[in-house]
Amino acid sequence: MIVRRSVRWSACDGDGMEHCDITISGNGIIIEGIVAGNRKSSYGAWYRVSTDKSFRTRDVQVRYVGGPSLHIISDEKGIWHDVENDKQLIHLQGCHDVDIGFTPATNMLPLRRLKLAEKESQSIKVAYIPLPEEISENFEPVAASQRYTCLEPDRVYRYEGIFRDFTADLSIDDAGIIEDYPSLFRRQSE
């Protein structure tokens, strides 16, 4: 069975919008979106993420309008490679998920992969793609610690960004797509 959804999120502060197409199939998930946002600074961006059938992130492309871009790939063991600069990203080894800082779309990936039971928690390390203001010399992901807890199966999960001391209870729809990400993103009605 293939599920295709087009979703839109707006920034809770009213200063940003995203359009995203999501395809979920027996082969994994493909997410592609465009964003105009203003977290820490104004930016526009395009991204595309794909997973394997176990929902491990395998391919990530991000391009900031008028700014840097990246293309990274991973194998089933969580070994990452920077395609644009032809180098291995050792610091990301063991990361099976990606978190793109400007979108709630990528939060669905660990939820799918982890399959948490009620009240179950799991800490993970993700490849975090920084916002433009967070980029230092090179535009590449950093390893970031996160924790997910199932509060209500298939409905509400607690996200903890341990690396930045941030917590939010995320509500999802029947396909596992984020509906509400308190204080940051709110899904628009379809």
Protein backbone atom coordinates (compact mmCIF):
# COMPACT_ATOMS: atom_id res chain seq x y z
CA MET A 1 0.00 0.00 0.00
CA ILE A 2 1.27 3.46 -0.93
CA VAL A 3 0.26 6.56 1.04
CA ARG A 4 0.83 9.97 -0.54
CA ARG A 5 0.18 13.18 1.37
CA SER A 6 0.80 16.83 0.66
CA VAL A 7 0.93 18.79 3.90
CA ARG A 8 1.58 22.36 4.94
CA TRP A 9 2.88 23.65 8.21
CA SER A 10 3.03 27.23 9.38
CA ALA A 11 5.36 28.59 12.02
CA CYS A 12 3.59 29.11 15.35
CA ASP A 13 4.91 32.67 15.44
CA GLY A 14 3.25 33.30 12.05
CA ASP A 15 6.54 33.96 10.27
CA GLY A 16 7.12 30.91 8.08
CA MET A 17 5.47 28.30 5.87
CA GLU A 18 6.32 24.87 4.50
CA HIS A 19 4.84 22.72 1.74
CA CYS A 20 5.84 19.06 1.86
CA ASP A 21 5.02 15.94 -0.18
CA ILE A 22 5.37 12.61 1.63
CA THR A 23 5.23 9.14 0.06
CA ILE A 24 5.14 6.09 2.34
CA SER A 25 5.46 2.63 0.79
CA GLY A 26 6.87 -0.81 1.46
CA ASN A 27 10.21 0.54 0.21
CA GLY A 28 10.38 3.34 2.79
CA ILE A 29 9.55 7.04 2.94
CA ILE A 30 10.34 9.89 0.57
CA ILE A 31 9.88 13.44 1.84
CA GLU A 32 10.35 16.54 -0.31
CA GLY A 33 9.57 20.08 0.73
CA ILE A 34 10.16 23.78 0.43
CA VAL A 35 10.33 26.18 3.35
CA ALA A 36 10.36 29.93 3.88
CA GLY A 37 11.22 30.56 7.51
CA ASN A 38 12.60 32.93 10.08
CA ARG A 39 14.13 30.97 12.97
CA LYS A 40 17.22 32.90 14.06
CA SER A 41 17.36 34.51 10.56
CA SER A 42 15.28 34.61 7.36
CA TYR A 43 15.86 31.77 4.89
CA GLY A 44 14.36 29.75 2.07
CA ALA A 45 15.21 26.11 1.52
CA TRP A 46 14.47 22.96 -0.47
CA TYR A 47 15.03 19.44 0.87
CA ARG A 48 14.56 15.78 -0.03
CA VAL A 49 14.97 12.79 2.29
CA SER A 50 14.55 9.10 1.55
CA THR A 51 14.70 6.03 3.79
CA ASP A 52 15.01 2.31 3.25
CA LYS A 53 12.17 -0.11 4.07
CA SER A 54 13.27 -0.21 7.75
CA PHE A 55 12.89 3.60 7.84
CA ARG A 56 16.62 4.23 8.25
CA THR A 57 17.57 7.48 6.49
CA ARG A 58 19.62 6.76 3.38
CA ASP A 59 19.74 9.95 1.28
CA VAL A 60 19.48 13.63 2.32
CA GLN A 61 19.68 16.72 0.13
CA VAL A 62 19.29 20.29 1.43
CA ARG A 63 19.75 23.56 -0.44
CA TYR A 64 19.43 27.01 1.10
CA VAL A 65 18.31 29.64 -1.42
CA GLY A 66 21.31 31.86 -2.14
CA GLY A 67 23.41 29.79 0.27
CA PRO A 68 25.06 26.42 0.82
CA SER A 69 23.83 22.97 -0.13
CA LEU A 70 24.60 19.45 1.00
CA HIS A 71 24.01 15.91 -0.21
CA ILE A 72 24.76 13.06 2.20
CA ILE A 73 24.05 9.34 1.98
CA SER A 74 24.14 6.54 4.53
CA ASP A 75 24.33 2.77 4.41
CA GLU A 76 22.36 0.31 6.56
CA LYS A 77 25.00 0.52 9.31
CA GLY A 78 24.73 4.28 9.67
CA ILE A 79 27.99 5.06 7.86
CA TRP A 80 27.58 8.51 6.24
CA HIS A 81 29.26 9.96 3.16
CA ASP A 82 29.29 13.58 1.96
CA VAL A 83 28.57 13.25 -1.78
CA GLU A 84 29.43 16.86 -2.69
CA ASN A 85 32.84 16.79 -0.99
CA ASP A 86 33.52 13.06 -1.44
CA LYS A 87 34.37 12.34 2.18
CA GLN A 88 33.19 10.03 4.93
CA LEU A 89 31.49 11.70 7.91
CA ILE A 90 32.94 9.63 10.76
CA HIS A 91 31.29 11.76 13.46
CA LEU A 92 27.83 10.61 12.24
CA GLN A 93 28.53 6.88 12.48
CA GLY A 94 25.56 5.08 14.04
CA CYS A 95 23.04 7.80 13.19
CA HIS A 96 20.09 6.13 11.45
CA ASP A 97 17.89 9.23 11.38
CA VAL A 98 18.20 12.80 10.17
CA ASP A 99 16.72 15.92 11.80
CA ILE A 100 16.51 18.92 9.51
CA GLY A 101 16.26 21.91 11.85
CA PHE A 102 13.71 23.85 9.81
CA THR A 103 11.02 21.15 9.33
CA PRO A 104 8.84 18.89 11.50
CA ALA A 105 8.68 16.34 8.65
CA THR A 106 11.85 14.50 9.67
CA ASN A 107 10.55 13.84 13.20
CA MET A 108 8.28 11.17 11.73
CA LEU A 109 11.27 9.07 10.65
CA PRO A 110 12.50 7.92 14.09
CA LEU A 111 8.89 7.41 15.20
CA ARG A 112 8.40 4.97 12.32
CA ARG A 113 11.76 3.26 12.82
CA LEU A 114 11.60 2.90 16.61
CA LYS A 115 7.99 1.59 16.85
CA LEU A 116 7.76 2.53 20.53
CA ALA A 117 5.16 0.91 22.80
CA GLU A 118 3.16 3.03 25.25
CA LYS A 119 5.42 4.69 27.87
CA GLU A 120 8.52 3.30 26.14
CA SER A 121 11.45 5.71 25.59
CA GLN A 122 14.53 5.47 23.46
CA SER A 123 17.54 7.75 23.18
CA ILE A 124 19.10 8.05 19.76
CA LYS A 125 21.80 9.96 17.94
CA VAL A 126 20.73 11.75 14.74
CA ALA A 127 22.43 13.61 11.92
CA TYR A 128 21.22 17.16 12.65
CA ILE A 129 21.14 19.54 9.66
CA PRO A 130 21.71 23.08 11.00
CA LEU A 131 19.78 26.26 10.33
CA PRO A 132 21.74 28.89 8.34
CA GLU A 133 22.73 30.81 11.50
CA GLU A 134 24.09 27.59 13.04
CA ILE A 135 26.49 26.89 10.16
CA SER A 136 30.12 27.60 11.04
CA GLU A 137 32.78 26.99 8.37
CA ASN A 138 31.34 24.00 6.51
CA PHE A 139 27.73 23.09 5.89
CA GLU A 140 27.55 19.59 7.26
CA PRO A 141 25.44 17.76 9.84
CA VAL A 142 26.43 17.30 13.45
CA ALA A 143 25.63 14.29 15.64
CA ALA A 144 22.88 15.23 18.10
CA SER A 145 21.35 13.34 21.03
CA GLN A 146 17.57 13.02 21.15
CA ARG A 147 14.98 10.97 23.01
CA TYR A 148 11.49 9.91 21.97
CA THR A 149 8.80 8.63 24.36
CA CYS A 150 5.44 7.17 23.36
CA LEU A 151 2.76 8.95 25.41
CA GLU A 152 -0.24 7.67 23.44
CA PRO A 153 0.42 4.99 20.77
CA ASP A 154 0.00 6.25 17.21
CA ARG A 155 -1.11 9.70 18.46
CA VAL A 156 1.30 11.56 20.81
CA TYR A 157 5.08 11.28 21.33
CA ARG A 158 7.43 13.34 23.48
CA TYR A 159 10.46 14.65 21.63
CA GLU A 160 13.48 15.71 23.67
CA GLY A 161 16.28 17.53 21.90
CA ILE A 162 18.88 16.67 24.52
CA PHE A 163 21.56 18.52 22.53
CA ARG A 164 19.63 21.79 22.90
CA ASP A 165 17.57 21.21 26.07
CA PHE A 166 14.21 21.33 24.27
CA THR A 167 11.06 19.24 24.81
CA ALA A 168 7.77 19.09 22.88
CA ASP A 169 4.84 16.66 22.77
CA LEU A 170 4.23 15.92 19.09
CA SER A 171 0.81 14.83 17.83
CA ILE A 172 0.66 12.75 14.66
CA ASP A 173 -2.01 11.72 12.17
CA ASP A 174 -2.96 8.20 11.05
CA ALA A 175 0.03 8.08 8.65
CA GLY A 176 2.49 9.13 11.38
CA ILE A 177 2.94 12.67 10.00
CA ILE A 178 3.39 15.46 12.53
CA GLU A 179 0.24 17.55 13.06
CA ASP A 180 1.29 19.81 15.90
CA TYR A 181 4.80 20.64 17.12
CA PRO A 182 4.08 23.02 20.03
CA SER A 183 5.85 26.39 19.95
CA LEU A 184 7.34 25.79 16.48
CA PHE A 185 5.00 24.34 13.80
CA ARG A 186 1.27 23.87 13.28
CA ARG A 187 -0.19 21.87 10.42
CA GLN A 188 -2.67 23.63 8.15
CA SER A 189 -6.04 21.99 7.46
CA GLU A 190 -6.26 20.11 4.20
